Amino acid sequence: MKGLRWRYTRLPSQVEDTPSGEWSEEEEEEEEEKEAAPALAPEDPVEPQLVEASQVLGALEMRQLSLHLPPSVTGHSWSLAFCTARDGFSLRSLYRQMEGHSGPALLALKDQDGQMFGAFSSSAFRLSKGFYGTGETFLFSFSPQLKVFKWTGSNSFFVKGDVDSLMLGSGSGQFGLWLDGDLYHGGSHPCATFNNEVLARQEQFCIKELEAWVLS
């Protein structure tokens, strides 16, 4: 009969399972909670909080990149530590502007062909005797759709900063991304660290604009 509710009293000699076809009050309440629970919404791009506007990346590109950032920096503000338009074309100047920052950094550049690409580093860019960084480091390119090249685990050649060059990713004598001391010339090659494609349209390129953001 409809509307009839079974009341089931557990006896010591009875098995633990509720009889087939019968529902206890607790089970009915749990079932109602499951039905009432809202479905999880798909992950949406997070709008980065910029201290000032970017001359390299648009709002769409930044939202797309934000989906690939480590959870530890998601939602953090982006502070423009260096840009060629303001600070000039000098790698030494980039290092100086990065002093005092230890957290993650995003390198974004546009070459003379209008191609946008760059890298996320788990540590701020600095002079170093060897490679530094962690597996959170990655390379990216908009060609025109976003392509992200993450760590393969093959080696730990993430970032190395010399006086006259900045290098990200390496293998077989090639660098995934490298910039020279004047921040005007650069290159990109497939490398074992990220198994990346050439980020620019050509392996050698000239930089039109470059920015280094601190994510903190």
Protein backbone atom coordinates (compact mmCIF):
# COMPACT_ATOMS: atom_id res chain seq x y z
CA MET A 1 0.00 0.00 0.00
CA LYS A 2 1.22 3.48 -0.82
CA GLY A 3 2.03 5.64 2.14
CA LEU A 4 2.82 2.68 4.34
CA ARG A 5 6.23 3.02 6.01
CA TRP A 6 8.05 0.00 7.33
CA ARG A 7 9.40 0.22 10.83
CA TYR A 8 12.25 -2.14 11.22
CA THR A 9 13.59 -3.11 14.65
CA ARG A 10 17.02 -4.66 14.62
CA LEU A 11 17.35 -7.77 16.75
CA PRO A 12 20.68 -9.13 17.96
CA SER A 13 20.25 -12.29 15.92
CA GLN A 14 19.46 -10.46 12.67
CA VAL A 15 22.02 -9.73 9.96
CA GLU A 16 23.36 -6.21 9.49
CA ASP A 17 21.77 -5.54 6.10
CA THR A 18 18.29 -4.05 5.82
CA PRO A 19 15.81 -6.51 4.24
CA SER A 20 15.60 -6.32 0.46
CA GLY A 21 12.98 -3.86 -0.74
CA GLU A 22 12.71 -2.09 2.64
CA TRP A 23 14.21 1.28 3.60
CA SER A 24 15.09 2.51 7.05
CA GLU A 25 14.41 6.12 8.01
CA GLU A 26 18.15 6.90 8.10
CA GLU A 27 18.63 5.49 4.60
CA GLU A 28 15.74 7.56 3.27
CA GLU A 29 17.23 10.72 4.77
CA GLU A 30 20.64 9.94 3.24
CA GLU A 31 19.02 9.38 -0.13
CA GLU A 32 17.21 12.72 0.08
CA GLU A 33 20.50 14.50 0.93
CA LYS A 34 22.17 12.95 -2.11
CA GLU A 35 19.36 14.09 -4.37
CA ALA A 36 19.44 17.59 -2.88
CA ALA A 37 23.23 17.98 -3.24
CA PRO A 38 24.02 20.43 -6.06
CA ALA A 39 26.10 19.23 -8.98
CA LEU A 40 29.64 20.57 -9.12
CA ALA A 41 30.05 23.30 -11.71
CA PRO A 42 32.85 22.88 -14.26
CA GLU A 43 36.01 24.75 -13.43
CA ASP A 44 35.95 28.27 -14.82
CA PRO A 45 39.00 30.36 -15.65
CA VAL A 46 39.99 32.59 -12.77
CA GLU A 47 40.36 36.27 -13.61
CA PRO A 48 43.89 37.23 -12.48
CA GLN A 49 44.15 40.32 -10.29
CA LEU A 50 46.55 42.63 -12.07
CA VAL A 51 48.22 45.52 -10.31
CA GLU A 52 48.63 47.14 -13.74
CA ALA A 53 47.72 46.27 -17.32
CA SER A 54 49.76 43.93 -19.49
CA GLN A 55 51.01 45.06 -22.89
CA VAL A 56 51.69 41.48 -23.98
CA LEU A 57 48.77 39.30 -22.81
CA GLY A 58 45.10 40.13 -23.10
CA ALA A 59 42.41 39.24 -20.56
CA LEU A 60 41.49 36.06 -22.47
CA GLU A 61 45.08 34.79 -22.57
CA MET A 62 45.52 35.45 -18.86
CA ARG A 63 42.33 33.60 -17.96
CA GLN A 64 43.44 30.62 -20.03
CA LEU A 65 46.88 30.60 -18.43
CA SER A 66 45.38 30.80 -14.95
CA LEU A 67 43.90 27.31 -15.41
CA HIS A 68 47.42 25.85 -15.63
CA LEU A 69 48.93 27.65 -12.65
CA PRO A 70 49.61 25.68 -9.45
CA PRO A 71 46.79 25.84 -6.87
CA SER A 72 49.16 27.65 -4.49
CA VAL A 73 49.08 30.79 -6.67
CA THR A 74 45.53 30.63 -8.02
CA GLY A 75 43.70 33.86 -7.25
CA HIS A 76 46.86 35.72 -6.23
CA SER A 77 47.55 39.19 -7.61
CA TRP A 78 49.97 39.66 -10.49
CA SER A 79 52.55 42.38 -9.92
CA LEU A 80 54.55 43.65 -12.90
CA ALA A 81 58.16 43.48 -11.70
CA PHE A 82 59.76 44.19 -15.08
CA CYS A 83 58.76 45.26 -18.57
CA THR A 84 60.90 46.40 -21.49
CA ALA A 85 58.60 49.36 -22.18
CA ARG A 86 59.40 50.80 -18.74
CA ASP A 87 62.75 49.30 -17.73
CA GLY A 88 64.51 48.90 -21.07
CA PHE A 89 65.95 45.91 -22.90
CA SER A 90 68.40 44.59 -20.35
CA LEU A 91 68.62 41.21 -18.64
CA ARG A 92 70.64 42.77 -15.82
CA SER A 93 67.76 45.16 -15.22
CA LEU A 94 65.33 42.23 -15.09
CA TYR A 95 67.46 40.57 -12.41
CA ARG A 96 67.60 43.82 -10.41
CA GLN A 97 63.83 44.25 -10.57
CA MET A 98 63.39 40.68 -9.37
CA GLU A 99 65.57 41.15 -6.29
CA GLY A 100 63.61 40.71 -3.09
CA HIS A 101 61.12 38.38 -4.77
CA SER A 102 61.36 34.66 -4.15
CA GLY A 103 57.94 33.47 -5.22
CA PRO A 104 56.67 32.26 -8.59
CA ALA A 105 57.06 34.40 -11.69
CA LEU A 106 55.54 34.50 -15.15
CA LEU A 107 57.59 35.53 -18.18
CA ALA A 108 55.50 36.74 -21.12
CA LEU A 109 56.84 38.08 -24.39
CA LYS A 110 55.76 39.05 -27.85
CA ASP A 111 58.18 38.79 -30.76
CA GLN A 112 58.42 40.88 -33.91
CA ASP A 113 56.08 38.44 -35.68
CA GLY A 114 53.37 39.06 -33.08
CA GLN A 115 53.73 35.59 -31.54
CA MET A 116 53.02 35.41 -27.77
CA PHE A 117 54.79 32.87 -25.58
CA GLY A 118 56.73 32.55 -22.36
CA ALA A 119 57.18 30.53 -19.19
CA PHE A 120 55.98 30.06 -15.65
CA SER A 121 58.74 29.60 -13.08
CA SER A 122 58.22 28.33 -9.55
CA SER A 123 60.95 30.76 -8.45
CA ALA A 124 61.77 34.37 -9.34
CA PHE A 125 64.30 34.82 -12.14
CA ARG A 126 67.82 35.43 -10.81
CA LEU A 127 71.50 34.93 -11.45
CA SER A 128 72.52 31.37 -10.69
CA LYS A 129 75.48 29.01 -11.00
CA GLY A 130 73.26 26.13 -12.03
CA PHE A 131 69.69 25.28 -12.84
CA TYR A 132 67.00 25.90 -10.24
CA GLY A 133 63.22 25.57 -9.95
CA THR A 134 60.69 22.76 -9.52
CA GLY A 135 58.41 20.59 -11.63
CA GLU A 136 55.72 23.28 -11.50
CA THR A 137 57.71 25.22 -14.10
CA PHE A 138 56.31 25.12 -17.64
CA LEU A 139 56.54 26.74 -21.06
CA PHE A 140 53.59 28.04 -23.06
CA SER A 141 52.74 29.44 -26.46
CA PHE A 142 49.69 31.00 -28.13
CA SER A 143 49.82 29.79 -31.72
CA PRO A 144 47.10 31.06 -31.74
CA GLN A 145 45.51 28.62 -29.28
CA LEU A 146 47.20 28.12 -25.94
CA LYS A 147 49.66 25.23 -25.73
CA VAL A 148 51.24 24.39 -22.38
CA PHE A 149 54.35 22.24 -22.09
CA LYS A 150 54.81 20.87 -18.60
CA TRP A 151 57.65 18.99 -16.97
CA THR A 152 58.27 15.54 -18.39
CA GLY A 153 60.36 14.31 -15.45
CA SER A 154 63.24 13.60 -17.85
CA ASN A 155 65.61 16.06 -16.15
CA SER A 156 65.60 19.02 -13.76
CA PHE A 157 66.96 21.72 -16.08
CA PHE A 158 64.23 24.22 -15.27
CA VAL A 159 65.77 27.71 -15.12
CA LYS A 160 69.33 29.05 -15.27
CA GLY A 161 70.27 32.71 -15.14
CA ASP A 162 73.64 33.89 -16.48
CA VAL A 163 74.82 37.46 -16.84
CA ASP A 164 74.40 37.28 -20.61
CA SER A 165 71.51 34.80 -20.98
CA LEU A 166 68.40 33.34 -19.37
CA MET A 167 67.59 29.70 -20.14
CA LEU A 168 64.53 27.54 -19.46
CA GLY A 169 64.53 23.83 -20.18
CA SER A 170 67.40 21.93 -21.71
CA GLY A 171 68.51 18.69 -23.29
CA SER A 172 71.01 17.63 -25.95
CA GLY A 173 72.54 21.10 -25.95
CA GLN A 174 69.24 22.81 -26.83
CA PHE A 175 67.12 25.13 -24.69
CA GLY A 176 63.34 25.25 -24.63
CA LEU A 177 63.57 29.03 -24.32
CA TRP A 178 66.59 31.27 -24.07
CA LEU A 179 67.05 35.03 -24.07
CA ASP A 180 70.31 36.92 -24.48
CA GLY A 181 71.64 39.74 -22.35
CA ASP A 182 70.07 42.55 -24.35
CA LEU A 183 66.60 40.93 -24.17
CA TYR A 184 66.24 41.53 -27.87
CA HIS A 185 67.32 38.22 -29.37
CA GLY A 186 66.15 34.80 -28.30
CA GLY A 187 65.61 31.24 -29.38
CA SER A 188 63.42 28.21 -28.79
CA HIS A 189 64.07 24.53 -29.48
CA PRO A 190 62.42 21.27 -28.47
CA CYS A 191 63.99 20.06 -25.22
CA ALA A 192 63.75 17.01 -22.97
CA THR A 193 62.67 18.98 -19.89
CA PHE A 194 59.31 19.97 -21.35
CA ASN A 195 59.05 18.05 -24.64
CA ASN A 196 57.98 21.36 -26.15
CA GLU A 197 57.48 22.55 -29.66
CA VAL A 198 59.31 25.61 -30.94
CA LEU A 199 57.45 28.40 -29.11
CA ALA A 200 57.91 31.05 -31.80
CA ARG A 201 57.27 30.73 -35.51
CA GLN A 202 61.01 30.31 -36.00
CA GLU A 203 63.77 28.95 -33.77
CA GLN A 204 65.43 32.37 -33.66
CA PHE A 205 63.36 35.47 -32.92
CA CYS A 206 63.55 39.14 -31.99
CA ILE A 207 61.64 40.43 -28.98
CA LYS A 208 59.19 43.27 -29.34
CA GLU A 209 57.91 43.36 -25.76
CA LEU A 210 58.73 41.37 -22.62
CA GLU A 211 57.19 41.33 -19.16
CA ALA A 212 58.05 39.52 -15.93
CA TRP A 213 55.22 39.18 -13.42
CA VAL A 214 55.51 38.17 -9.78
CA LEU A 215 52.56 36.09 -8.55
CA SER A 216 52.12 36.68 -4.84
